[in-house]
Amino acid sequence: MEKEAGPGAAAMRLDDPWYEASGTVWGEPDGAGAVEADGRSQERDRSAAEIYLEVQDSPAFREVRRRYRRFVVPAAAAFLLWYLAYVVAATTAHDLMARPVAGALNVAMVAGLGQFLTTFLLTWAYARHARLHRDRAALELRWDTQEMTRGISR
């Protein structure tokens, strides 16, 4: 931020690339009803809570949430089942888990190392899914929401 000199020296200007962006109202074409006759924009008349509720009800927000759930629910269920299968097998199937695979390495050790491997794979898959399917849409929602709430006292 940098201070401006002159009579309004107390005013601060944000070095934000979106600061000079045109103020369009959510869901309307550019310039449609963006500024009233007295120079105030229509979104300034709404509270931040109303804006966030409007964004939450928007199709774009619902799509981001749908994409999140479509990945997370099946992935979490599959990982939980895999973990529970390992725990149940370790406590009930002693002969199976003690069976040697290679040298001193047995089924229990391979399955335990598989738990670590699947944890890292799931983390990688989640990050990749978020990057490819949700991050851009979520960032656009964030920018739109910040633009609509700019100047509203919280």
N, C-alpha and C. Protein backbone atom coordinates (compact mmCIF):
# COMPACT_ATOMS: atom_id res chain seq x y z
N MET A 1 0.84 -1.18 0.00
CA MET A 1 0.00 0.00 0.00
C MET A 1 0.88 1.24 0.00
N GLU A 2 0.35 2.30 -0.56
CA GLU A 2 1.10 3.54 -0.55
C GLU A 2 0.15 4.67 -0.18
N LYS A 3 0.66 5.65 0.57
CA LYS A 3 -0.17 6.77 0.97
C LYS A 3 -0.22 7.79 -0.16
N GLU A 4 -1.39 8.39 -0.27
CA GLU A 4 -1.55 9.45 -1.26
C GLU A 4 -1.31 10.78 -0.56
N ALA A 5 -0.67 11.69 -1.23
CA ALA A 5 -0.41 13.01 -0.66
C ALA A 5 -1.58 13.94 -0.98
N GLY A 6 -1.68 15.01 -0.23
CA GLY A 6 -2.72 15.99 -0.48
C GLY A 6 -3.71 16.06 0.66
N PRO A 7 -4.88 16.69 0.40
CA PRO A 7 -5.85 16.88 1.47
C PRO A 7 -6.35 15.56 2.06
N GLY A 8 -6.44 14.53 1.25
CA GLY A 8 -6.91 13.23 1.75
C GLY A 8 -5.74 12.31 2.04
N ALA A 9 -4.72 12.81 2.73
CA ALA A 9 -3.50 12.04 2.96
C ALA A 9 -3.75 10.79 3.80
N ALA A 10 -4.84 10.81 4.57
CA ALA A 10 -5.14 9.65 5.41
C ALA A 10 -5.70 8.49 4.58
N ALA A 11 -6.18 8.77 3.38
CA ALA A 11 -6.75 7.72 2.53
C ALA A 11 -5.64 6.80 2.03
N MET A 12 -5.94 5.53 1.97
CA MET A 12 -4.96 4.55 1.51
C MET A 12 -5.46 3.95 0.21
N ARG A 13 -4.55 3.70 -0.70
CA ARG A 13 -4.88 3.05 -1.96
C ARG A 13 -4.30 1.65 -1.92
N LEU A 14 -5.11 0.66 -2.22
CA LEU A 14 -4.63 -0.71 -2.24
C LEU A 14 -3.98 -1.01 -3.57
N ASP A 15 -2.84 -1.66 -3.54
CA ASP A 15 -2.20 -2.10 -4.77
C ASP A 15 -2.77 -3.46 -5.14
N ASP A 16 -3.96 -3.44 -5.68
CA ASP A 16 -4.71 -4.65 -5.97
C ASP A 16 -5.14 -4.58 -7.44
N PRO A 17 -4.83 -5.61 -8.23
CA PRO A 17 -5.21 -5.56 -9.65
C PRO A 17 -6.71 -5.50 -9.85
N TRP A 18 -7.49 -5.93 -8.86
CA TRP A 18 -8.95 -5.92 -8.99
C TRP A 18 -9.55 -4.62 -8.48
N TYR A 19 -8.71 -3.72 -7.93
CA TYR A 19 -9.20 -2.49 -7.33
C TYR A 19 -9.90 -1.60 -8.37
N GLU A 20 -9.37 -1.57 -9.56
CA GLU A 20 -9.92 -0.72 -10.61
C GLU A 20 -10.96 -1.44 -11.47
N ALA A 21 -11.29 -2.67 -11.14
CA ALA A 21 -12.24 -3.45 -11.94
C ALA A 21 -13.61 -2.81 -11.92
N SER A 22 -14.33 -2.98 -13.01
CA SER A 22 -15.67 -2.40 -13.08
C SER A 22 -16.57 -3.11 -12.09
N GLY A 23 -17.50 -2.38 -11.48
CA GLY A 23 -18.39 -2.94 -10.47
C GLY A 23 -19.68 -3.43 -11.08
N THR A 24 -19.70 -4.67 -11.52
CA THR A 24 -20.94 -5.22 -12.04
C THR A 24 -21.63 -6.00 -10.94
N VAL A 25 -22.94 -6.07 -11.03
CA VAL A 25 -23.73 -6.79 -10.05
C VAL A 25 -23.73 -8.26 -10.40
N TRP A 26 -23.70 -9.13 -9.40
CA TRP A 26 -23.68 -10.59 -9.58
C TRP A 26 -24.79 -11.04 -10.50
N GLY A 27 -24.42 -11.77 -11.55
CA GLY A 27 -25.40 -12.36 -12.43
C GLY A 27 -25.94 -11.44 -13.51
N GLU A 28 -25.50 -10.19 -13.55
CA GLU A 28 -25.97 -9.26 -14.57
C GLU A 28 -24.86 -9.02 -15.58
N PRO A 29 -25.24 -8.67 -16.83
CA PRO A 29 -24.20 -8.35 -17.81
C PRO A 29 -23.43 -7.11 -17.39
N ASP A 30 -22.23 -6.94 -17.94
CA ASP A 30 -21.38 -5.81 -17.58
C ASP A 30 -22.12 -4.49 -17.72
N GLY A 31 -22.07 -3.70 -16.64
CA GLY A 31 -22.64 -2.37 -16.68
C GLY A 31 -24.13 -2.30 -16.43
N ALA A 32 -24.82 -3.41 -16.34
CA ALA A 32 -26.27 -3.38 -16.16
C ALA A 32 -26.61 -3.06 -14.71
N GLY A 33 -26.96 -1.83 -14.46
CA GLY A 33 -27.37 -1.43 -13.13
C GLY A 33 -26.24 -1.41 -12.12
N ALA A 34 -25.03 -1.23 -12.59
CA ALA A 34 -23.90 -1.31 -11.68
C ALA A 34 -23.78 -0.08 -10.79
N VAL A 35 -24.08 1.12 -11.33
CA VAL A 35 -23.90 2.34 -10.56
C VAL A 35 -25.19 3.13 -10.59
N GLU A 36 -25.62 3.58 -9.40
CA GLU A 36 -26.82 4.39 -9.30
C GLU A 36 -26.51 5.85 -9.60
N ALA A 37 -27.52 6.69 -9.61
CA ALA A 37 -27.35 8.09 -9.96
C ALA A 37 -26.43 8.83 -8.99
N ASP A 38 -26.44 8.46 -7.71
CA ASP A 38 -25.60 9.16 -6.75
C ASP A 38 -24.16 8.64 -6.73
N GLY A 39 -23.83 7.71 -7.64
CA GLY A 39 -22.47 7.22 -7.76
C GLY A 39 -22.17 5.99 -6.93
N ARG A 40 -23.10 5.57 -6.08
CA ARG A 40 -22.88 4.36 -5.28
C ARG A 40 -23.32 3.15 -6.08
N SER A 41 -22.63 2.05 -5.91
CA SER A 41 -23.05 0.85 -6.61
C SER A 41 -24.13 0.14 -5.81
N GLN A 42 -24.95 -0.64 -6.48
CA GLN A 42 -26.08 -1.31 -5.84
C GLN A 42 -25.62 -2.32 -4.81
N GLU A 43 -24.47 -2.98 -5.04
CA GLU A 43 -24.06 -3.98 -4.08
C GLU A 43 -23.65 -3.38 -2.75
N ARG A 44 -23.38 -2.09 -2.69
CA ARG A 44 -23.03 -1.44 -1.43
C ARG A 44 -24.26 -1.36 -0.51
N ASP A 45 -25.45 -1.42 -1.08
CA ASP A 45 -26.67 -1.34 -0.30
C ASP A 45 -27.01 -2.66 0.37
N ARG A 46 -26.32 -3.74 0.00
CA ARG A 46 -26.57 -5.04 0.59
C ARG A 46 -25.52 -5.33 1.65
N SER A 47 -25.88 -6.13 2.63
CA SER A 47 -24.90 -6.51 3.65
C SER A 47 -24.04 -7.64 3.12
N ALA A 48 -22.91 -7.84 3.78
CA ALA A 48 -22.01 -8.93 3.39
C ALA A 48 -22.71 -10.27 3.55
N ALA A 49 -23.53 -10.41 4.59
CA ALA A 49 -24.24 -11.68 4.81
C ALA A 49 -25.17 -11.98 3.65
N GLU A 50 -25.87 -10.97 3.15
CA GLU A 50 -26.78 -11.18 2.01
C GLU A 50 -26.00 -11.58 0.76
N ILE A 51 -24.84 -10.98 0.56
CA ILE A 51 -24.02 -11.32 -0.59
C ILE A 51 -23.52 -12.75 -0.49
N TYR A 52 -23.04 -13.15 0.68
CA TYR A 52 -22.54 -14.52 0.85
C TYR A 52 -23.67 -15.54 0.69
N LEU A 53 -24.86 -15.22 1.17
CA LEU A 53 -26.00 -16.13 0.98
C LEU A 53 -26.37 -16.24 -0.50
N GLU A 54 -26.28 -15.12 -1.21
CA GLU A 54 -26.56 -15.14 -2.65
C GLU A 54 -25.54 -15.99 -3.39
N VAL A 55 -24.28 -15.86 -3.03
CA VAL A 55 -23.23 -16.67 -3.65
C VAL A 55 -23.44 -18.14 -3.32
N GLN A 56 -23.80 -18.42 -2.07
CA GLN A 56 -24.03 -19.81 -1.66
C GLN A 56 -25.19 -20.44 -2.43
N ASP A 57 -26.18 -19.65 -2.80
CA ASP A 57 -27.32 -20.17 -3.57
C ASP A 57 -27.07 -20.20 -5.07
N SER A 58 -25.93 -19.70 -5.51
CA SER A 58 -25.65 -19.61 -6.95
C SER A 58 -25.33 -20.98 -7.54
N PRO A 59 -25.64 -21.17 -8.82
CA PRO A 59 -25.32 -22.45 -9.49
C PRO A 59 -23.81 -22.73 -9.51
N ALA A 60 -22.99 -21.70 -9.61
CA ALA A 60 -21.53 -21.90 -9.64
C ALA A 60 -21.03 -22.48 -8.32
N PHE A 61 -21.55 -21.98 -7.20
CA PHE A 61 -21.14 -22.49 -5.90
C PHE A 61 -21.62 -23.93 -5.72
N ARG A 62 -22.86 -24.20 -6.13
CA ARG A 62 -23.38 -25.57 -6.02
C ARG A 62 -22.57 -26.53 -6.87
N GLU A 63 -22.09 -26.08 -8.02
CA GLU A 63 -21.27 -26.94 -8.88
C GLU A 63 -19.92 -27.25 -8.23
N VAL A 64 -19.31 -26.26 -7.60
CA VAL A 64 -18.03 -26.49 -6.90
C VAL A 64 -18.25 -27.49 -5.77
N ARG A 65 -19.31 -27.34 -5.00
CA ARG A 65 -19.60 -28.27 -3.91
C ARG A 65 -19.90 -29.68 -4.44
N ARG A 66 -20.61 -29.75 -5.56
CA ARG A 66 -20.94 -31.06 -6.15
C ARG A 66 -19.67 -31.77 -6.59
N ARG A 67 -18.77 -31.04 -7.23
CA ARG A 67 -17.50 -31.64 -7.66
C ARG A 67 -16.69 -32.10 -6.46
N TYR A 68 -16.70 -31.34 -5.39
CA TYR A 68 -15.97 -31.72 -4.17
C TYR A 68 -16.55 -33.02 -3.62
N ARG A 69 -17.87 -33.07 -3.45
CA ARG A 69 -18.49 -34.26 -2.88
C ARG A 69 -18.32 -35.49 -3.76
N ARG A 70 -18.38 -35.31 -5.08
CA ARG A 70 -18.25 -36.46 -5.99
C ARG A 70 -16.88 -37.11 -5.87
N PHE A 71 -15.88 -36.39 -5.44
CA PHE A 71 -14.56 -37.00 -5.23
C PHE A 71 -14.38 -37.46 -3.79
N VAL A 72 -14.68 -36.60 -2.84
CA VAL A 72 -14.34 -36.86 -1.45
C VAL A 72 -15.15 -38.01 -0.85
N VAL A 73 -16.44 -38.07 -1.09
CA VAL A 73 -17.26 -39.11 -0.45
C VAL A 73 -16.81 -40.51 -0.89
N PRO A 74 -16.70 -40.81 -2.18
CA PRO A 74 -16.24 -42.15 -2.55
C PRO A 74 -14.80 -42.44 -2.12
N ALA A 75 -13.92 -41.44 -2.21
CA ALA A 75 -12.53 -41.66 -1.83
C ALA A 75 -12.41 -41.92 -0.33
N ALA A 76 -13.12 -41.16 0.47
CA ALA A 76 -13.08 -41.37 1.92
C ALA A 76 -13.68 -42.71 2.30
N ALA A 77 -14.78 -43.08 1.65
CA ALA A 77 -15.41 -44.38 1.94
C ALA A 77 -14.47 -45.53 1.56
N ALA A 78 -13.85 -45.44 0.39
CA ALA A 78 -12.94 -46.50 -0.05
C ALA A 78 -11.73 -46.62 0.89
N PHE A 79 -11.18 -45.48 1.28
CA PHE A 79 -10.02 -45.52 2.17
C PHE A 79 -10.42 -46.06 3.54
N LEU A 80 -11.58 -45.67 4.05
CA LEU A 80 -12.03 -46.17 5.35
C LEU A 80 -12.25 -47.68 5.30
N LEU A 81 -12.85 -48.16 4.21
CA LEU A 81 -13.04 -49.61 4.07
C LEU A 81 -11.70 -50.35 4.01
N TRP A 82 -10.77 -49.81 3.28
CA TRP A 82 -9.44 -50.41 3.17
C TRP A 82 -8.76 -50.44 4.54
N TYR A 83 -8.86 -49.36 5.29
CA TYR A 83 -8.26 -49.31 6.62
C TYR A 83 -8.93 -50.31 7.56
N LEU A 84 -10.27 -50.34 7.57
CA LEU A 84 -10.99 -51.28 8.43
C LEU A 84 -10.70 -52.73 8.05
N ALA A 85 -10.57 -53.01 6.75
CA ALA A 85 -10.24 -54.37 6.31
C ALA A 85 -8.86 -54.77 6.84
N TYR A 86 -7.93 -53.84 6.84
CA TYR A 86 -6.59 -54.12 7.37
C TYR A 86 -6.66 -54.41 8.87
N VAL A 87 -7.39 -53.58 9.62
CA VAL A 87 -7.49 -53.77 11.07
C VAL A 87 -8.19 -55.08 11.40
N VAL A 88 -9.29 -55.37 10.71
CA VAL A 88 -10.03 -56.61 10.96
C VAL A 88 -9.16 -57.82 10.61
N ALA A 89 -8.48 -57.76 9.49
CA ALA A 89 -7.62 -58.89 9.10
C ALA A 89 -6.47 -59.06 10.09
N ALA A 90 -5.93 -57.97 10.58
CA ALA A 90 -4.82 -58.05 11.54
C ALA A 90 -5.26 -58.65 12.86
N THR A 91 -6.51 -58.43 13.25
CA THR A 91 -6.98 -58.94 14.53
C THR A 91 -7.63 -60.32 14.44
N THR A 92 -8.12 -60.70 13.28
CA THR A 92 -8.85 -61.97 13.18
C THR A 92 -8.15 -63.02 12.33
N ALA A 93 -7.38 -62.63 11.35
CA ALA A 93 -6.76 -63.59 10.44
C ALA A 93 -5.25 -63.64 10.67
N HIS A 94 -4.88 -64.13 11.82
CA HIS A 94 -3.45 -64.17 12.18
C HIS A 94 -2.63 -65.01 11.19
N ASP A 95 -3.18 -66.14 10.77
CA ASP A 95 -2.43 -67.01 9.85
C ASP A 95 -2.21 -66.32 8.50
N LEU A 96 -3.24 -65.63 8.01
CA LEU A 96 -3.11 -64.92 6.73
C LEU A 96 -2.07 -63.80 6.84
N MET A 97 -2.15 -63.02 7.89
CA MET A 97 -1.25 -61.87 8.03
C MET A 97 0.20 -62.31 8.31
N ALA A 98 0.38 -63.50 8.87
CA ALA A 98 1.73 -63.98 9.18
C ALA A 98 2.38 -64.71 8.00
N ARG A 99 1.63 -64.93 6.94
CA ARG A 99 2.15 -65.65 5.78
C ARG A 99 3.31 -64.86 5.15
N PRO A 100 4.46 -65.50 4.97
CA PRO A 100 5.61 -64.79 4.38
C PRO A 100 5.39 -64.47 2.90
N VAL A 101 5.85 -63.29 2.50
CA VAL A 101 5.77 -62.87 1.10
C VAL A 101 7.15 -62.99 0.47
N ALA A 102 8.14 -62.42 1.11
CA ALA A 102 9.52 -62.49 0.62
C ALA A 102 10.45 -62.35 1.81
N GLY A 103 11.13 -63.39 2.13
CA GLY A 103 12.06 -63.35 3.27
C GLY A 103 11.31 -63.12 4.57
N ALA A 104 11.71 -62.08 5.30
CA ALA A 104 11.07 -61.75 6.57
C ALA A 104 9.82 -60.88 6.37
N LEU A 105 9.55 -60.50 5.16
CA LEU A 105 8.40 -59.64 4.84
C LEU A 105 7.15 -60.51 4.76
N ASN A 106 6.13 -60.18 5.59
CA ASN A 106 4.89 -60.96 5.55
C ASN A 106 3.73 -60.10 5.05
N VAL A 107 2.56 -60.69 4.94
CA VAL A 107 1.37 -60.02 4.40
C VAL A 107 1.01 -58.80 5.25
N ALA A 108 1.12 -58.91 6.58
CA ALA A 108 0.79 -57.79 7.47
C ALA A 108 1.69 -56.58 7.19
N MET A 109 2.98 -56.83 6.97
CA MET A 109 3.90 -55.71 6.70
C MET A 109 3.61 -55.08 5.35
N VAL A 110 3.31 -55.91 4.35
CA VAL A 110 2.99 -55.38 3.02
C VAL A 110 1.71 -54.55 3.09
N ALA A 111 0.69 -55.06 3.79
CA ALA A 111 -0.57 -54.32 3.92
C ALA A 111 -0.36 -53.03 4.71
N GLY A 112 0.46 -53.08 5.76
CA GLY A 112 0.75 -51.87 6.54
C GLY A 112 1.46 -50.81 5.71
N LEU A 113 2.45 -51.24 4.92
CA LEU A 113 3.11 -50.30 4.02
C LEU A 113 2.16 -49.81 2.94
N GLY A 114 1.23 -50.67 2.55
CA GLY A 114 0.19 -50.27 1.59
C GLY A 114 -0.70 -49.16 2.14
N GLN A 115 -0.90 -49.16 3.45
CA GLN A 115 -1.68 -48.07 4.07
C GLN A 115 -0.98 -46.73 3.86
N PHE A 116 0.33 -46.71 4.08
CA PHE A 116 1.09 -45.48 3.85
C PHE A 116 1.04 -45.07 2.39
N LEU A 117 1.24 -46.02 1.51
CA LEU A 117 1.23 -45.73 0.08
C LEU A 117 -0.12 -45.18 -0.37
N THR A 118 -1.21 -45.81 0.07
CA THR A 118 -2.53 -45.32 -0.34
C THR A 118 -2.84 -43.96 0.26
N THR A 119 -2.30 -43.66 1.44
CA THR A 119 -2.48 -42.33 2.01
C THR A 119 -1.85 -41.27 1.12
N PHE A 120 -0.62 -41.53 0.68
CA PHE A 120 0.05 -40.57 -0.20
C PHE A 120 -0.63 -40.49 -1.57
N LEU A 121 -1.06 -41.62 -2.10
CA LEU A 121 -1.76 -41.62 -3.38
C LEU A 121 -3.09 -40.86 -3.30
N LEU A 122 -3.81 -41.04 -2.21
CA LEU A 122 -5.08 -40.33 -2.04
C LEU A 122 -4.84 -38.83 -1.91
N THR A 123 -3.81 -38.45 -1.19
CA THR A 123 -3.48 -37.02 -1.07
C THR A 123 -3.13 -36.43 -2.43
N TRP A 124 -2.33 -37.13 -3.20
CA TRP A 124 -1.96 -36.67 -4.54
C TRP A 124 -3.21 -36.57 -5.43
N ALA A 125 -4.07 -37.60 -5.38
CA ALA A 125 -5.28 -37.60 -6.21
C ALA A 125 -6.21 -36.47 -5.82
N TYR A 126 -6.34 -36.18 -4.53
CA TYR A 126 -7.18 -35.09 -4.08
C TYR A 126 -6.64 -33.75 -4.58
N ALA A 127 -5.35 -33.53 -4.42
CA ALA A 127 -4.75 -32.27 -4.88
C ALA A 127 -4.89 -32.11 -6.39
N ARG A 128 -4.72 -33.18 -7.12
CA ARG A 128 -4.85 -33.13 -8.58
C ARG A 128 -6.30 -32.84 -8.98
N HIS A 129 -7.24 -33.52 -8.33
CA HIS A 129 -8.65 -33.29 -8.63
C HIS A 129 -9.05 -31.85 -8.32
N ALA A 130 -8.59 -31.35 -7.18
CA ALA A 130 -8.91 -29.96 -6.81
C ALA A 130 -8.34 -28.99 -7.84
N ARG A 131 -7.09 -29.22 -8.25
CA ARG A 131 -6.45 -28.33 -9.21
C ARG A 131 -7.15 -28.35 -10.56
N LEU A 132 -7.56 -29.53 -11.01
CA LEU A 132 -8.14 -29.65 -12.35
C LEU A 132 -9.64 -29.35 -12.40
N HIS A 133 -10.36 -29.59 -11.31
CA HIS A 133 -11.82 -29.54 -11.39
C HIS A 133 -12.49 -28.51 -10.49
N ARG A 134 -11.77 -27.95 -9.50
CA ARG A 134 -12.45 -27.05 -8.58
C ARG A 134 -11.75 -25.72 -8.36
N ASP A 135 -10.45 -25.69 -8.37
CA ASP A 135 -9.73 -24.49 -7.94
C ASP A 135 -10.07 -23.25 -8.77
N ARG A 136 -10.14 -23.39 -10.08
CA ARG A 136 -10.40 -22.23 -10.92
C ARG A 136 -11.80 -21.67 -10.65
N ALA A 137 -12.80 -22.55 -10.58
CA ALA A 137 -14.17 -22.10 -10.32
C ALA A 137 -14.29 -21.49 -8.93
N ALA A 138 -13.63 -22.09 -7.94
CA ALA A 138 -13.67 -21.56 -6.58
C ALA A 138 -12.97 -20.20 -6.51
N LEU A 139 -11.88 -20.04 -7.22
CA LEU A 139 -11.18 -18.77 -7.23
C LEU A 139 -12.02 -17.68 -7.90
N GLU A 140 -12.70 -18.02 -8.97
CA GLU A 140 -13.58 -17.05 -9.62
C GLU A 140 -14.71 -16.64 -8.68
N LEU A 141 -15.28 -17.59 -7.95
CA LEU A 141 -16.30 -17.25 -6.95
C LEU A 141 -15.73 -16.33 -5.88
N ARG A 142 -14.53 -16.62 -5.46
CA ARG A 142 -13.89 -15.79 -4.44
C ARG A 142 -13.68 -14.37 -4.94
N TRP A 143 -13.17 -14.23 -6.15
CA TRP A 143 -12.96 -12.90 -6.72
C TRP A 143 -14.27 -12.14 -6.86
N ASP A 144 -15.30 -12.82 -7.36
CA ASP A 144 -16.61 -12.18 -7.51
C ASP A 144 -17.16 -11.74 -6.16
N THR A 145 -17.02 -12.59 -5.16
CA THR A 145 -17.52 -12.27 -3.82
C THR A 145 -16.75 -11.10 -3.23
N GLN A 146 -15.44 -11.09 -3.39
CA GLN A 146 -14.65 -9.98 -2.87
C GLN A 146 -15.00 -8.68 -3.57
N GLU A 147 -15.25 -8.76 -4.86
CA GLU A 147 -15.63 -7.56 -5.60
C GLU A 147 -16.98 -7.03 -5.12
N MET A 148 -17.90 -7.94 -4.87
CA MET A 148 -19.24 -7.51 -4.41
C MET A 148 -19.19 -6.96 -2.99
N THR A 149 -18.30 -7.46 -2.15
CA THR A 149 -18.25 -7.00 -0.76
C THR A 149 -17.27 -5.86 -0.55
N ARG A 150 -16.55 -5.46 -1.58
CA ARG A 150 -15.58 -4.37 -1.42
C ARG A 150 -16.30 -3.11 -0.96
N GLY A 151 -15.82 -2.53 0.11
CA GLY A 151 -16.37 -1.27 0.60
C GLY A 151 -17.49 -1.45 1.62
N ILE A 152 -17.93 -2.68 1.84
CA ILE A 152 -18.98 -2.89 2.84
C ILE A 152 -18.33 -2.97 4.20
N SER A 153 -18.85 -2.21 5.15
CA SER A 153 -18.27 -2.27 6.51
C SER A 153 -18.70 -3.58 7.14
N ARG A 154 -17.78 -4.24 7.75
CA ARG A 154 -18.06 -5.57 8.32
C ARG A 154 -18.40 -5.49 9.76
